[in-house]
Structure formats: structure tokens, C-alpha cells
Amino acid sequence: MIRPLILSVALLALTACGGLDKARQMPQEEIAAMSDEDVCGYLSTFAYKGRLPEAWQNEATRRGLNRCIDEGIKKRAVDTKIDRDKPILCPQGQSTQDSRCW
């Protein structure tokens, strides 16, 4: 339970701060200097978004962090399923009594 929460918080932090675009441009040497935890967070986020830069893929392979990519893909699949399961009649941007729309 804690692990998905950490992933969600990391995802929000990375995208909210605009660090994702900067991270996309990082050279391999700069990525290599980062901790496994930080690299894993970025890998998960890139995988969730669906666009994994080659330098980051190379680093995932080098460090054996492909599980981080898998976590991002799984998180995206869960979120997509939740979105698909919401009734079509859920009003966008409006409150409703139907808990399936929350």
C-alpha cells in the first residue's frame, strides 16, 4: 500500500515541478550520478506517460531497474481502468451523488 502511494507522490512531484522536461534532456553521465531511488522515480513517471527517453532506458538496463518501468506501466493501466469504469453520465467538473464518479 505504501509503495503505490510513494509512486503517486513522486509522479505528482515530478510533473508539477516541470522537472520532467529537464530530466528528459539529461545526458547519460548526469543520470548515472543520481541515486537508484531518484532514477526509479523518473523511470516510473516516464513509463506512466508513455515516453521513455533512450538515455533513461539505458540507465534502467545498466542498473537493473526495469521493474521501475513496469511499475509505471502498471500504474497507468490501473488509472486507465478506473477512468473506463466511470459511468459515461458522470458530469465533468461538477459534483454528483454517484460515488463511482469521485
PDB file of N, CA and C in Angstrom:
ATOM      1  N   MET A   1       0.819  -1.194   0.000  1.00  0.00           N
ATOM      2  CA  MET A   1       0.000   0.000   0.000  1.00  0.00           C
ATOM      3  C   MET A   1       0.859   1.252   0.000  1.00  0.00           C
ATOM      4  N   ILE A   2       1.945   1.225   0.750  1.00  0.00           N
ATOM      5  CA  ILE A   2       2.825   2.394   0.824  1.00  0.00           C
ATOM      6  C   ILE A   2       3.519   2.622  -0.517  1.00  0.00           C
ATOM      7  N   ARG A   3       3.936   1.567  -1.178  1.00  0.00           N
ATOM      8  CA  ARG A   3       4.678   1.682  -2.443  1.00  0.00           C
ATOM      9  C   ARG A   3       3.879   2.438  -3.512  1.00  0.00           C
ATOM     10  N   PRO A   4       2.601   2.095  -3.760  1.00  0.00           N
ATOM     11  CA  PRO A   4       1.837   2.859  -4.758  1.00  0.00           C
ATOM     12  C   PRO A   4       1.665   4.321  -4.358  1.00  0.00           C
ATOM     13  N   LEU A   5       1.543   4.570  -3.055  1.00  0.00           N
ATOM     14  CA  LEU A   5       1.408   5.946  -2.588  1.00  0.00           C
ATOM     15  C   LEU A   5       2.671   6.730  -2.885  1.00  0.00           C
ATOM     16  N   ILE A   6       3.818   6.129  -2.641  1.00  0.00           N
ATOM     17  CA  ILE A   6       5.095   6.786  -2.924  1.00  0.00           C
ATOM     18  C   ILE A   6       5.215   7.061  -4.411  1.00  0.00           C
ATOM     19  N   LEU A   7       4.827   6.096  -5.229  1.00  0.00           N
ATOM     20  CA  LEU A   7       4.885   6.274  -6.677  1.00  0.00           C
ATOM     21  C   LEU A   7       3.984   7.415  -7.123  1.00  0.00           C
ATOM     22  N   SER A   8       2.783   7.486  -6.556  1.00  0.00           N
ATOM     23  CA  SER A   8       1.853   8.562  -6.917  1.00  0.00           C
ATOM     24  C   SER A   8       2.397   9.924  -6.517  1.00  0.00           C
ATOM     25  N   VAL A   9       2.968  10.002  -5.316  1.00  0.00           N
ATOM     26  CA  VAL A   9       3.533  11.267  -4.840  1.00  0.00           C
ATOM     27  C   VAL A   9       4.713  11.670  -5.714  1.00  0.00           C
ATOM     28  N   ALA A  10       5.554  10.701  -6.055  1.00  0.00           N
ATOM     29  CA  ALA A  10       6.702  11.000  -6.915  1.00  0.00           C
ATOM     30  C   ALA A  10       6.239  11.473  -8.288  1.00  0.00           C
ATOM     31  N   LEU A  11       5.220  10.833  -8.809  1.00  0.00           N
ATOM     32  CA  LEU A  11       4.681  11.223 -10.106  1.00  0.00           C
ATOM     33  C   LEU A  11       4.170  12.656 -10.076  1.00  0.00           C
ATOM     34  N   LEU A  12       3.419  12.993  -9.056  1.00  0.00           N
ATOM     35  CA  LEU A  12       2.906  14.355  -8.928  1.00  0.00           C
ATOM     36  C   LEU A  12       4.029  15.365  -8.773  1.00  0.00           C
ATOM     37  N   ALA A  13       5.001  15.042  -7.948  1.00  0.00           N
ATOM     38  CA  ALA A  13       6.106  15.970  -7.713  1.00  0.00           C
ATOM     39  C   ALA A  13       6.911  16.213  -8.983  1.00  0.00           C
ATOM     40  N   LEU A  14       7.162  15.162  -9.719  1.00  0.00           N
ATOM     41  CA  LEU A  14       7.961  15.303 -10.934  1.00  0.00           C
ATOM     42  C   LEU A  14       7.248  16.114 -12.005  1.00  0.00           C
ATOM     43  N   THR A  15       5.958  15.879 -12.166  1.00  0.00           N
ATOM     44  CA  THR A  15       5.235  16.586 -13.213  1.00  0.00           C
ATOM     45  C   THR A  15       4.866  17.994 -12.796  1.00  0.00           C
ATOM     46  N   ALA A  16       4.569  18.197 -11.526  1.00  0.00           N
ATOM     47  CA  ALA A  16       4.157  19.519 -11.054  1.00  0.00           C
ATOM     48  C   ALA A  16       5.298  20.521 -11.099  1.00  0.00           C
ATOM     49  N   CYS A  17       6.480  20.068 -10.835  1.00  0.00           N
ATOM     50  CA  CYS A  17       7.622  20.981 -10.782  1.00  0.00           C
ATOM     51  C   CYS A  17       8.230  21.253 -12.149  1.00  0.00           C
ATOM     52  N   GLY A  18       7.730  20.633 -13.176  1.00  0.00           N
ATOM     53  CA  GLY A  18       8.283  20.849 -14.508  1.00  0.00           C
ATOM     54  C   GLY A  18       9.632  20.174 -14.694  1.00  0.00           C
ATOM     55  N   GLY A  19      10.025  19.346 -13.741  1.00  0.00           N
ATOM     56  CA  GLY A  19      11.307  18.672 -13.810  1.00  0.00           C
ATOM     57  C   GLY A  19      11.364  17.572 -14.847  1.00  0.00           C
ATOM     58  N   LEU A  20      10.218  17.180 -15.320  1.00  0.00           N
ATOM     59  CA  LEU A  20      10.173  16.086 -16.279  1.00  0.00           C
ATOM     60  C   LEU A  20      10.808  16.480 -17.607  1.00  0.00           C
ATOM     61  N   ASP A  21      10.527  17.679 -18.078  1.00  0.00           N
ATOM     62  CA  ASP A  21      11.138  18.132 -19.335  1.00  0.00           C
ATOM     63  C   ASP A  21      12.649  18.263 -19.189  1.00  0.00           C
ATOM     64  N   LYS A  22      13.076  18.784 -18.047  1.00  0.00           N
ATOM     65  CA  LYS A  22      14.520  18.915 -17.793  1.00  0.00           C
ATOM     66  C   LYS A  22      15.175  17.534 -17.730  1.00  0.00           C
ATOM     67  N   ALA A  23      14.502  16.607 -17.043  1.00  0.00           N
ATOM     68  CA  ALA A  23      15.044  15.254 -16.916  1.00  0.00           C
ATOM     69  C   ALA A  23      15.141  14.559 -18.271  1.00  0.00           C
ATOM     70  N   ARG A  24      14.195  14.822 -19.145  1.00  0.00           N
ATOM     71  CA  ARG A  24      14.217  14.237 -20.492  1.00  0.00           C
ATOM     72  C   ARG A  24      15.495  14.595 -21.248  1.00  0.00           C
ATOM     73  N   GLN A  25      16.016  15.786 -20.967  1.00  0.00           N
ATOM     74  CA  GLN A  25      17.190  16.287 -21.682  1.00  0.00           C
ATOM     75  C   GLN A  25      18.517  15.919 -21.023  1.00  0.00           C
ATOM     76  N   MET A  26      18.467  15.274 -19.849  1.00  0.00           N
ATOM     77  CA  MET A  26      19.694  14.955 -19.112  1.00  0.00           C
ATOM     78  C   MET A  26      20.603  14.032 -19.907  1.00  0.00           C
ATOM     79  N   PRO A  27      21.896  14.323 -19.875  1.00  0.00           N
ATOM     80  CA  PRO A  27      22.838  13.402 -20.514  1.00  0.00           C
ATOM     81  C   PRO A  27      23.037  12.159 -19.640  1.00  0.00           C
ATOM     82  N   GLN A  28      23.512  11.099 -20.251  1.00  0.00           N
ATOM     83  CA  GLN A  28      23.715   9.818 -19.565  1.00  0.00           C
ATOM     84  C   GLN A  28      24.575   9.976 -18.311  1.00  0.00           C
ATOM     85  N   GLU A  29      25.602  10.820 -18.355  1.00  0.00           N
ATOM     86  CA  GLU A  29      26.512  10.987 -17.219  1.00  0.00           C
ATOM     87  C   GLU A  29      25.782  11.581 -16.010  1.00  0.00           C
ATOM     88  N   GLU A  30      24.883  12.504 -16.248  1.00  0.00           N
ATOM     89  CA  GLU A  30      24.141  13.130 -15.160  1.00  0.00           C
ATOM     90  C   GLU A  30      23.150  12.135 -14.537  1.00  0.00           C
ATOM     91  N   ILE A  31      22.531  11.343 -15.363  1.00  0.00           N
ATOM     92  CA  ILE A  31      21.602  10.321 -14.867  1.00  0.00           C
ATOM     93  C   ILE A  31      22.365   9.301 -14.028  1.00  0.00           C
ATOM     94  N   ALA A  32      23.541   8.910 -14.488  1.00  0.00           N
ATOM     95  CA  ALA A  32      24.355   7.919 -13.787  1.00  0.00           C
ATOM     96  C   ALA A  32      24.770   8.386 -12.394  1.00  0.00           C
ATOM     97  N   ALA A  33      24.843   9.691 -12.180  1.00  0.00           N
ATOM     98  CA  ALA A  33      25.245  10.233 -10.879  1.00  0.00           C
ATOM     99  C   ALA A  33      24.087  10.268  -9.870  1.00  0.00           C
ATOM    100  N   MET A  34      22.867   9.999 -10.316  1.00  0.00           N
ATOM    101  CA  MET A  34      21.695  10.042  -9.443  1.00  0.00           C
ATOM    102  C   MET A  34      21.555   8.745  -8.657  1.00  0.00           C
ATOM    103  N   SER A  35      20.823   8.820  -7.538  1.00  0.00           N
ATOM    104  CA  SER A  35      20.569   7.622  -6.728  1.00  0.00           C
ATOM    105  C   SER A  35      19.595   6.699  -7.461  1.00  0.00           C
ATOM    106  N   ASP A  36      19.621   5.430  -7.085  1.00  0.00           N
ATOM    107  CA  ASP A  36      18.685   4.463  -7.672  1.00  0.00           C
ATOM    108  C   ASP A  36      17.238   4.885  -7.424  1.00  0.00           C
ATOM    109  N   GLU A  37      16.964   5.403  -6.239  1.00  0.00           N
ATOM    110  CA  GLU A  37      15.603   5.814  -5.891  1.00  0.00           C
ATOM    111  C   GLU A  37      15.116   6.939  -6.803  1.00  0.00           C
ATOM    112  N   ASP A  38      15.973   7.931  -7.046  1.00  0.00           N
ATOM    113  CA  ASP A  38      15.589   9.035  -7.924  1.00  0.00           C
ATOM    114  C   ASP A  38      15.415   8.560  -9.363  1.00  0.00           C
ATOM    115  N   VAL A  39      16.319   7.736  -9.818  1.00  0.00           N
ATOM    116  CA  VAL A  39      16.228   7.209 -11.182  1.00  0.00           C
ATOM    117  C   VAL A  39      14.947   6.389 -11.327  1.00  0.00           C
ATOM    118  N   CYS A  40      14.636   5.590 -10.332  1.00  0.00           N
ATOM    119  CA  CYS A  40      13.430   4.764 -10.368  1.00  0.00           C
ATOM    120  C   CYS A  40      12.177   5.640 -10.464  1.00  0.00           C
ATOM    121  N   GLY A  41      12.155   6.728  -9.717  1.00  0.00           N
ATOM    122  CA  GLY A  41      11.017   7.639  -9.772  1.00  0.00           C
ATOM    123  C   GLY A  41      10.805   8.219 -11.157  1.00  0.00           C
ATOM    124  N   TYR A  42      11.886   8.651 -11.774  1.00  0.00           N
ATOM    125  CA  TYR A  42      11.782   9.189 -13.134  1.00  0.00           C
ATOM    126  C   TYR A  42      11.380   8.110 -14.134  1.00  0.00           C
ATOM    127  N   LEU A  43      11.968   6.921 -14.002  1.00  0.00           N
ATOM    128  CA  LEU A  43      11.625   5.829 -14.913  1.00  0.00           C
ATOM    129  C   LEU A  43      10.139   5.498 -14.838  1.00  0.00           C
ATOM    130  N   SER A  44       9.612   5.427 -13.610  1.00  0.00           N
ATOM    131  CA  SER A  44       8.188   5.136 -13.426  1.00  0.00           C
ATOM    132  C   SER A  44       7.320   6.209 -14.074  1.00  0.00           C
ATOM    133  N   THR A  45       7.727   7.448 -13.884  1.00  0.00           N
ATOM    134  CA  THR A  45       6.959   8.556 -14.440  1.00  0.00           C
ATOM    135  C   THR A  45       6.999   8.552 -15.962  1.00  0.00           C
ATOM    136  N   PHE A  46       8.192   8.356 -16.534  1.00  0.00           N
ATOM    137  CA  PHE A  46       8.300   8.297 -17.991  1.00  0.00           C
ATOM    138  C   PHE A  46       7.456   7.153 -18.543  1.00  0.00           C
ATOM    139  N   ALA A  47       7.502   5.993 -17.882  1.00  0.00           N
ATOM    140  CA  ALA A  47       6.732   4.842 -18.342  1.00  0.00           C
ATOM    141  C   ALA A  47       5.237   5.126 -18.229  1.00  0.00           C
ATOM    142  N   TYR A  48       4.830   5.780 -17.158  1.00  0.00           N
ATOM    143  CA  TYR A  48       3.425   6.143 -16.970  1.00  0.00           C
ATOM    144  C   TYR A  48       2.962   7.060 -18.096  1.00  0.00           C
ATOM    145  N   LYS A  49       3.793   8.021 -18.446  1.00  0.00           N
ATOM    146  CA  LYS A  49       3.459   8.968 -19.512  1.00  0.00           C
ATOM    147  C   LYS A  49       3.538   8.323 -20.886  1.00  0.00           C
ATOM    148  N   GLY A  50       4.328   7.244 -21.009  1.00  0.00           N
ATOM    149  CA  GLY A  50       4.414   6.539 -22.272  1.00  0.00           C
ATOM    150  C   GLY A  50       5.555   6.972 -23.177  1.00  0.00           C
ATOM    151  N   ARG A  51       6.440   7.786 -22.663  1.00  0.00           N
ATOM    152  CA  ARG A  51       7.577   8.242 -23.476  1.00  0.00           C
ATOM    153  C   ARG A  51       8.848   8.136 -22.649  1.00  0.00           C
ATOM    154  N   LEU A  52       9.583   7.049 -22.832  1.00  0.00           N
ATOM    155  CA  LEU A  52      10.809   6.786 -22.089  1.00  0.00           C
ATOM    156  C   LEU A  52      12.011   7.161 -22.951  1.00  0.00           C
ATOM    157  N   PRO A  53      12.755   8.211 -22.549  1.00  0.00           N
ATOM    158  CA  PRO A  53      13.934   8.601 -23.334  1.00  0.00           C
ATOM    159  C   PRO A  53      14.989   7.491 -23.349  1.00  0.00           C
ATOM    160  N   GLU A  54      15.720   7.414 -24.414  1.00  0.00           N
ATOM    161  CA  GLU A  54      16.708   6.356 -24.592  1.00  0.00           C
ATOM    162  C   GLU A  54      17.765   6.351 -23.498  1.00  0.00           C
ATOM    163  N   ALA A  55      18.245   7.524 -23.095  1.00  0.00           N
ATOM    164  CA  ALA A  55      19.272   7.589 -22.045  1.00  0.00           C
ATOM    165  C   ALA A  55      18.758   6.978 -20.743  1.00  0.00           C
ATOM    166  N   TRP A  56      17.492   7.211 -20.439  1.00  0.00           N
ATOM    167  CA  TRP A  56      16.904   6.655 -19.225  1.00  0.00           C
ATOM    168  C   TRP A  56      16.706   5.148 -19.369  1.00  0.00           C
ATOM    169  N   GLN A  57      16.317   4.681 -20.525  1.00  0.00           N
ATOM    170  CA  GLN A  57      16.183   3.241 -20.767  1.00  0.00           C
ATOM    171  C   GLN A  57      17.533   2.559 -20.601  1.00  0.00           C
ATOM    172  N   ASN A  58      18.578   3.172 -21.136  1.00  0.00           N
ATOM    173  CA  ASN A  58      19.924   2.611 -20.998  1.00  0.00           C
ATOM    174  C   ASN A  58      20.336   2.510 -19.535  1.00  0.00           C
ATOM    175  N   GLU A  59      20.017   3.546 -18.761  1.00  0.00           N
ATOM    176  CA  GLU A  59      20.368   3.544 -17.339  1.00  0.00           C
ATOM    177  C   GLU A  59      19.565   2.486 -16.577  1.00  0.00           C
ATOM    178  N   ALA A  60      18.313   2.313 -16.930  1.00  0.00           N
ATOM    179  CA  ALA A  60      17.487   1.273 -16.298  1.00  0.00           C
ATOM    180  C   ALA A  60      18.094  -0.101 -16.541  1.00  0.00           C
ATOM    181  N   THR A  61      18.523  -0.338 -17.750  1.00  0.00           N
ATOM    182  CA  THR A  61      19.135  -1.621 -18.096  1.00  0.00           C
ATOM    183  C   THR A  61      20.456  -1.800 -17.357  1.00  0.00           C
ATOM    184  N   ARG A  62      21.266  -0.749 -17.337  1.00  0.00           N
ATOM    185  CA  ARG A  62      22.579  -0.818 -16.683  1.00  0.00           C
ATOM    186  C   ARG A  62      22.453  -1.113 -15.190  1.00  0.00           C
ATOM    187  N   ARG A  63      21.470  -0.503 -14.541  1.00  0.00           N
ATOM    188  CA  ARG A  63      21.299  -0.670 -13.091  1.00  0.00           C
ATOM    189  C   ARG A  63      20.356  -1.813 -12.717  1.00  0.00           C
ATOM    190  N   GLY A  64      19.700  -2.399 -13.681  1.00  0.00           N
ATOM    191  CA  GLY A  64      18.729  -3.447 -13.382  1.00  0.00           C
ATOM    192  C   GLY A  64      17.460  -2.891 -12.748  1.00  0.00           C
ATOM    193  N   LEU A  65      17.014  -1.729 -13.225  1.00  0.00           N
ATOM    194  CA  LEU A  65      15.833  -1.062 -12.674  1.00  0.00           C
ATOM    195  C   LEU A  65      14.618  -1.141 -13.596  1.00  0.00           C
ATOM    196  N   ASN A  66      14.569  -2.157 -14.425  1.00  0.00           N
ATOM    197  CA  ASN A  66      13.427  -2.287 -15.334  1.00  0.00           C
ATOM    198  C   ASN A  66      12.111  -2.472 -14.589  1.00  0.00           C
ATOM    199  N   ARG A  67      12.168  -2.930 -13.332  1.00  0.00           N
ATOM    200  CA  ARG A  67      10.953  -3.063 -12.521  1.00  0.00           C
ATOM    201  C   ARG A  67      10.280  -1.712 -12.314  1.00  0.00           C
ATOM    202  N   CYS A  68      11.080  -0.641 -12.290  1.00  0.00           N
ATOM    203  CA  CYS A  68      10.533   0.708 -12.118  1.00  0.00           C
ATOM    204  C   CYS A  68       9.691   1.107 -13.331  1.00  0.00           C
ATOM    205  N   ILE A  69      10.141   0.702 -14.496  1.00  0.00           N
ATOM    206  CA  ILE A  69       9.391   0.954 -15.729  1.00  0.00           C
ATOM    207  C   ILE A  69       8.080   0.170 -15.680  1.00  0.00           C
ATOM    208  N   ASP A  70       8.181  -1.088 -15.247  1.00  0.00           N
ATOM    209  CA  ASP A  70       6.983  -1.930 -15.133  1.00  0.00           C
ATOM    210  C   ASP A  70       5.973  -1.330 -14.164  1.00  0.00           C
ATOM    211  N   GLU A  71       6.448  -0.743 -13.049  1.00  0.00           N
ATOM    212  CA  GLU A  71       5.556  -0.123 -12.073  1.00  0.00           C
ATOM    213  C   GLU A  71       4.789   1.040 -12.701  1.00  0.00           C
ATOM    214  N   GLY A  72       5.473   1.854 -13.490  1.00  0.00           N
ATOM    215  CA  GLY A  72       4.818   2.977 -14.153  1.00  0.00           C
ATOM    216  C   GLY A  72       3.761   2.521 -15.142  1.00  0.00           C
ATOM    217  N   ILE A  73       4.075   1.476 -15.883  1.00  0.00           N
ATOM    218  CA  ILE A  73       3.128   0.922 -16.862  1.00  0.00           C
ATOM    219  C   ILE A  73       1.905   0.343 -16.142  1.00  0.00           C
ATOM    220  N   LYS A  74       2.137  -0.374 -15.043  1.00  0.00           N
ATOM    221  CA  LYS A  74       1.026  -0.952 -14.274  1.00  0.00           C
ATOM    222  C   LYS A  74       0.152   0.143 -13.671  1.00  0.00           C
ATOM    223  N   LYS A  75       0.765   1.188 -13.143  1.00  0.00           N
ATOM    224  CA  LYS A  75       0.015   2.295 -12.551  1.00  0.00           C
ATOM    225  C   LYS A  75      -0.872   2.949 -13.607  1.00  0.00           C
ATOM    226  N   ARG A  76      -0.338   3.134 -14.797  1.00  0.00           N
ATOM    227  CA  ARG A  76      -1.111   3.722 -15.888  1.00  0.00           C
ATOM    228  C   ARG A  76      -2.295   2.828 -16.262  1.00  0.00           C
ATOM    229  N   ALA A  77      -2.065   1.517 -16.292  1.00  0.00           N
ATOM    230  CA  ALA A  77      -3.141   0.573 -16.627  1.00  0.00           C
ATOM    231  C   ALA A  77      -4.252   0.636 -15.583  1.00  0.00           C
ATOM    232  N   VAL A  78      -3.893   0.729 -14.314  1.00  0.00           N
ATOM    233  CA  VAL A  78      -4.886   0.834 -13.241  1.00  0.00           C
ATOM    234  C   VAL A  78      -5.679   2.125 -13.395  1.00  0.00           C
ATOM    235  N   ASP A  79      -4.986   3.241 -13.608  1.00  0.00           N
ATOM    236  CA  ASP A  79      -5.670   4.527 -13.768  1.00  0.00           C
ATOM    237  C   ASP A  79      -6.587   4.529 -14.991  1.00  0.00           C
ATOM    238  N   THR A  80      -6.157   3.911 -16.065  1.00  0.00           N
ATOM    239  CA  THR A  80      -6.964   3.830 -17.274  1.00  0.00           C
ATOM    240  C   THR A  80      -8.223   3.007 -17.017  1.00  0.00           C
ATOM    241  N   LYS A  81      -8.067   1.897 -16.294  1.00  0.00           N
ATOM    242  CA  LYS A  81      -9.225   1.062 -15.970  1.00  0.00           C
ATOM    243  C   LYS A  81     -10.208   1.836 -15.096  1.00  0.00           C
ATOM    244  N   ILE A  82      -9.713   2.567 -14.118  1.00  0.00           N
ATOM    245  CA  ILE A  82     -10.590   3.362 -13.255  1.00  0.00           C
ATOM    246  C   ILE A  82     -11.365   4.372 -14.096  1.00  0.00           C
ATOM    247  N   ASP A  83     -10.666   5.034 -15.010  1.00  0.00           N
ATOM    248  CA  ASP A  83     -11.327   6.016 -15.876  1.00  0.00           C
ATOM    249  C   ASP A  83     -12.391   5.365 -16.755  1.00  0.00           C
ATOM    250  N   ARG A  84     -12.094   4.191 -17.278  1.00  0.00           N
ATOM    251  CA  ARG A  84     -13.046   3.495 -18.161  1.00  0.00           C
ATOM    252  C   ARG A  84     -14.261   2.987 -17.403  1.00  0.00           C
ATOM    253  N   ASP A  85     -14.071   2.667 -16.122  1.00  0.00           N
ATOM    254  CA  ASP A  85     -15.166   2.128 -15.325  1.00  0.00           C
ATOM    255  C   ASP A  85     -16.129   3.204 -14.831  1.00  0.00           C
ATOM    256  N   LYS A  86     -15.756   4.457 -14.951  1.00  0.00           N
ATOM    257  CA  LYS A  86     -16.664   5.532 -14.536  1.00  0.00           C
ATOM    258  C   LYS A  86     -17.825   5.597 -15.520  1.00  0.00           C
ATOM    259  N   PRO A  87     -19.011   5.760 -14.985  1.00  0.00           N
ATOM    260  CA  PRO A  87     -20.166   5.871 -15.892  1.00  0.00           C
ATOM    261  C   PRO A  87     -20.009   7.060 -16.844  1.00  0.00           C
ATOM    262  N   ILE A  88     -20.526   6.898 -18.032  1.00  0.00           N
ATOM    263  CA  ILE A  88     -20.463   7.958 -19.030  1.00  0.00           C
ATOM    264  C   ILE A  88     -21.207   9.201 -18.561  1.00  0.00           C
ATOM    265  N   LEU A  89     -22.191   9.016 -17.729  1.00  0.00           N
ATOM    266  CA  LEU A  89     -23.018  10.131 -17.295  1.00  0.00           C
ATOM    267  C   LEU A  89     -22.404  10.960 -16.165  1.00  0.00           C
ATOM    268  N   CYS A  90     -21.178  10.658 -15.743  1.00  0.00           N
ATOM    269  CA  CYS A  90     -20.538  11.467 -14.711  1.00  0.00           C
ATOM    270  C   CYS A  90     -20.239  12.840 -15.299  1.00  0.00           C
ATOM    271  N   PRO A  91     -20.819  13.879 -14.708  1.00  0.00           N
ATOM    272  CA  PRO A  91     -20.591  15.222 -15.247  1.00  0.00           C
ATOM    273  C   PRO A  91     -19.150  15.678 -15.042  1.00  0.00           C
ATOM    274  N   GLN A  92     -18.585  16.235 -16.053  1.00  0.00           N
ATOM    275  CA  GLN A  92     -17.213  16.739 -15.985  1.00  0.00           C
ATOM    276  C   GLN A  92     -17.184  18.056 -15.227  1.00  0.00           C
ATOM    277  N   GLY A  93     -16.388  18.122 -14.166  1.00  0.00           N
ATOM    278  CA  GLY A  93     -16.221  19.363 -13.433  1.00  0.00           C
ATOM    279  C   GLY A  93     -17.392  19.743 -12.556  1.00  0.00           C
ATOM    280  N   GLN A  94     -18.311  18.814 -12.313  1.00  0.00           N
ATOM    281  CA  GLN A  94     -19.468  19.095 -11.465  1.00  0.00           C
ATOM    282  C   GLN A  94     -19.555  18.035 -10.378  1.00  0.00           C
ATOM    283  N   SER A  95     -20.156  18.379  -9.261  1.00  0.00           N
ATOM    284  CA  SER A  95     -20.325  17.398  -8.197  1.00  0.00           C
ATOM    285  C   SER A  95     -21.517  16.503  -8.509  1.00  0.00           C
ATOM    286  N   THR A  96     -21.475  15.299  -7.971  1.00  0.00           N
ATOM    287  CA  THR A  96     -22.537  14.330  -8.184  1.00  0.00           C
ATOM    288  C   THR A  96     -22.664  13.461  -6.950  1.00  0.00           C
ATOM    289  N   GLN A  97     -23.795  12.832  -6.756  1.00  0.00           N
ATOM    290  CA  GLN A  97     -24.011  11.943  -5.615  1.00  0.00           C
ATOM    291  C   GLN A  97     -23.472  10.537  -5.899  1.00  0.00           C
ATOM    292  N   ASP A  98     -23.245  10.205  -7.129  1.00  0.00           N
ATOM    293  CA  ASP A  98     -22.788   8.874  -7.509  1.00  0.00           C
ATOM    294  C   ASP A  98     -21.310   8.730  -7.151  1.00  0.00           C
ATOM    295  N   SER A  99     -21.009   7.847  -6.203  1.00  0.00           N
ATOM    296  CA  SER A  99     -19.624   7.674  -5.727  1.00  0.00           C
ATOM    297  C   SER A  99     -18.709   7.124  -6.811  1.00  0.00           C
ATOM    298  N   ARG A 100     -19.255   6.492  -7.844  1.00  0.00           N
ATOM    299  CA  ARG A 100     -18.403   5.989  -8.922  1.00  0.00           C
ATOM    300  C   ARG A 100     -17.771   7.126  -9.722  1.00  0.00           C
ATOM    301  N   CYS A 101     -18.283   8.330  -9.581  1.00  0.00           N
ATOM    302  CA  CYS A 101     -17.760   9.486 -10.311  1.00  0.00           C
ATOM    303  C   CYS A 101     -16.657  10.210  -9.542  1.00  0.00           C
ATOM    304  N   TRP A 102     -16.433   9.827  -8.298  1.00  0.00           N
ATOM    305  CA  TRP A 102     -15.441  10.535  -7.483  1.00  0.00           C
ATOM    306  C   TRP A 102     -14.049  10.147  -7.848  1.00  0.00           C
TER     307      TRP A 102
END
